[in-house]
């Protein structure tokens, strides 16, 4: 199972924000930001903080990317 946070990075660009700004306004741990950067799983709590801080919905920042399964 995979995740993509490309929507989050695009939203930050649209809002003229840096990743470090996101750490500050959402109160995230730097390790969480690193996990987001690697498209790894993060807690729903962290995603909720991001959505609240950026005034967006979860589908604006994260997308499920199914793994390719070979027959």
C-alpha atoms as a PDB file:
ATOM      1  CA  UNK A   1       0.000   0.000   0.000  1.00  0.00           C
ATOM      2  CA  UNK A   2       1.390   3.399  -0.901  1.00  0.00           C
ATOM      3  CA  UNK A   3       0.636   7.040  -0.304  1.00  0.00           C
ATOM      4  CA  UNK A   4       1.397  10.236  -2.165  1.00  0.00           C
ATOM      5  CA  UNK A   5       1.544  13.651  -0.523  1.00  0.00           C
ATOM      6  CA  UNK A   6       2.049  15.557  -3.783  1.00  0.00           C
ATOM      7  CA  UNK A   7      -1.182  17.435  -3.095  1.00  0.00           C
ATOM      8  CA  UNK A   8       0.333  18.770   0.123  1.00  0.00           C
ATOM      9  CA  UNK A   9       3.458  20.024  -1.613  1.00  0.00           C
ATOM     10  CA  UNK A  10       1.382  21.695  -4.346  1.00  0.00           C
ATOM     11  CA  UNK A  11      -0.812  23.326  -1.714  1.00  0.00           C
ATOM     12  CA  UNK A  12       2.244  24.690   0.079  1.00  0.00           C
ATOM     13  CA  UNK A  13       3.515  26.146  -3.202  1.00  0.00           C
ATOM     14  CA  UNK A  14       0.131  27.741  -3.887  1.00  0.00           C
ATOM     15  CA  UNK A  15       0.171  29.305  -0.419  1.00  0.00           C
ATOM     16  CA  UNK A  16       3.805  30.415  -0.882  1.00  0.00           C
ATOM     17  CA  UNK A  17       4.864  28.412   2.159  1.00  0.00           C
ATOM     18  CA  UNK A  18       7.934  26.336   2.943  1.00  0.00           C
ATOM     19  CA  UNK A  19       7.994  22.955   4.639  1.00  0.00           C
ATOM     20  CA  UNK A  20       9.470  24.609   7.711  1.00  0.00           C
ATOM     21  CA  UNK A  21       6.445  26.930   7.823  1.00  0.00           C
ATOM     22  CA  UNK A  22       4.234  23.849   7.919  1.00  0.00           C
ATOM     23  CA  UNK A  23       6.194  22.507  10.903  1.00  0.00           C
ATOM     24  CA  UNK A  24       5.547  25.714  12.797  1.00  0.00           C
ATOM     25  CA  UNK A  25       1.876  26.330  12.018  1.00  0.00           C
ATOM     26  CA  UNK A  26       0.781  22.703  12.336  1.00  0.00           C
ATOM     27  CA  UNK A  27       3.018  21.894  15.301  1.00  0.00           C
ATOM     28  CA  UNK A  28       4.481  18.850  13.577  1.00  0.00           C
ATOM     29  CA  UNK A  29       7.511  16.848  14.597  1.00  0.00           C
ATOM     30  CA  UNK A  30      10.406  17.071  12.108  1.00  0.00           C
ATOM     31  CA  UNK A  31      10.318  13.262  11.856  1.00  0.00           C
ATOM     32  CA  UNK A  32       6.737  13.491  10.607  1.00  0.00           C
ATOM     33  CA  UNK A  33       7.799  15.944   7.914  1.00  0.00           C
ATOM     34  CA  UNK A  34      10.576  13.554   6.897  1.00  0.00           C
ATOM     35  CA  UNK A  35       8.055  10.694   6.611  1.00  0.00           C
ATOM     36  CA  UNK A  36       5.792  12.871   4.469  1.00  0.00           C
ATOM     37  CA  UNK A  37       8.740  13.665   2.219  1.00  0.00           C
ATOM     38  CA  UNK A  38       9.326   9.935   1.700  1.00  0.00           C
ATOM     39  CA  UNK A  39       5.627   9.198   1.043  1.00  0.00           C
ATOM     40  CA  UNK A  40       5.499   7.047   4.169  1.00  0.00           C
ATOM     41  CA  UNK A  41       2.533   6.620   6.481  1.00  0.00           C
ATOM     42  CA  UNK A  42       1.862   9.241   9.145  1.00  0.00           C
ATOM     43  CA  UNK A  43      -0.755   9.394  11.862  1.00  0.00           C
ATOM     44  CA  UNK A  44      -4.268  10.643  11.274  1.00  0.00           C
ATOM     45  CA  UNK A  45      -3.563  13.138  14.053  1.00  0.00           C
ATOM     46  CA  UNK A  46      -0.731  14.651  11.999  1.00  0.00           C
ATOM     47  CA  UNK A  47      -2.893  14.789   8.875  1.00  0.00           C
ATOM     48  CA  UNK A  48      -5.650  16.426  10.907  1.00  0.00           C
ATOM     49  CA  UNK A  49      -3.256  19.104  12.185  1.00  0.00           C
ATOM     50  CA  UNK A  50      -2.148  19.817   8.613  1.00  0.00           C
ATOM     51  CA  UNK A  51      -5.726  20.068   7.349  1.00  0.00           C
ATOM     52  CA  UNK A  52      -6.717  22.378  10.195  1.00  0.00           C
ATOM     53  CA  UNK A  53      -3.665  24.592   9.700  1.00  0.00           C
ATOM     54  CA  UNK A  54      -4.009  24.842   5.923  1.00  0.00           C
ATOM     55  CA  UNK A  55      -7.836  24.955   6.004  1.00  0.00           C
ATOM     56  CA  UNK A  56      -8.171  22.046   3.607  1.00  0.00           C
ATOM     57  CA  UNK A  57      -9.618  18.553   3.402  1.00  0.00           C
ATOM     58  CA  UNK A  58      -7.593  15.367   3.706  1.00  0.00           C
ATOM     59  CA  UNK A  59      -8.175  14.511   0.039  1.00  0.00           C
ATOM     60  CA  UNK A  60      -6.407  17.778  -0.842  1.00  0.00           C
ATOM     61  CA  UNK A  61      -3.140  16.575   0.681  1.00  0.00           C
ATOM     62  CA  UNK A  62      -2.950  12.777   0.495  1.00  0.00           C
ATOM     63  CA  UNK A  63      -3.754  10.201  -2.166  1.00  0.00           C
ATOM     64  CA  UNK A  64      -3.783   6.419  -1.958  1.00  0.00           C
ATOM     65  CA  UNK A  65      -1.579   4.817  -4.613  1.00  0.00           C
ATOM     66  CA  UNK A  66      -2.176   1.084  -4.998  1.00  0.00           C
ATOM     67  CA  UNK A  67       0.876  -1.068  -5.485  1.00  0.00           C
ATOM     68  CA  UNK A  68       1.173  -2.830  -8.818  1.00  0.00           C
ATOM     69  CA  UNK A  69       0.329  -6.436  -8.253  1.00  0.00           C
ATOM     70  CA  UNK A  70       1.650  -8.969 -10.684  1.00  0.00           C
ATOM     71  CA  UNK A  71      -0.698 -11.837 -11.608  1.00  0.00           C
END
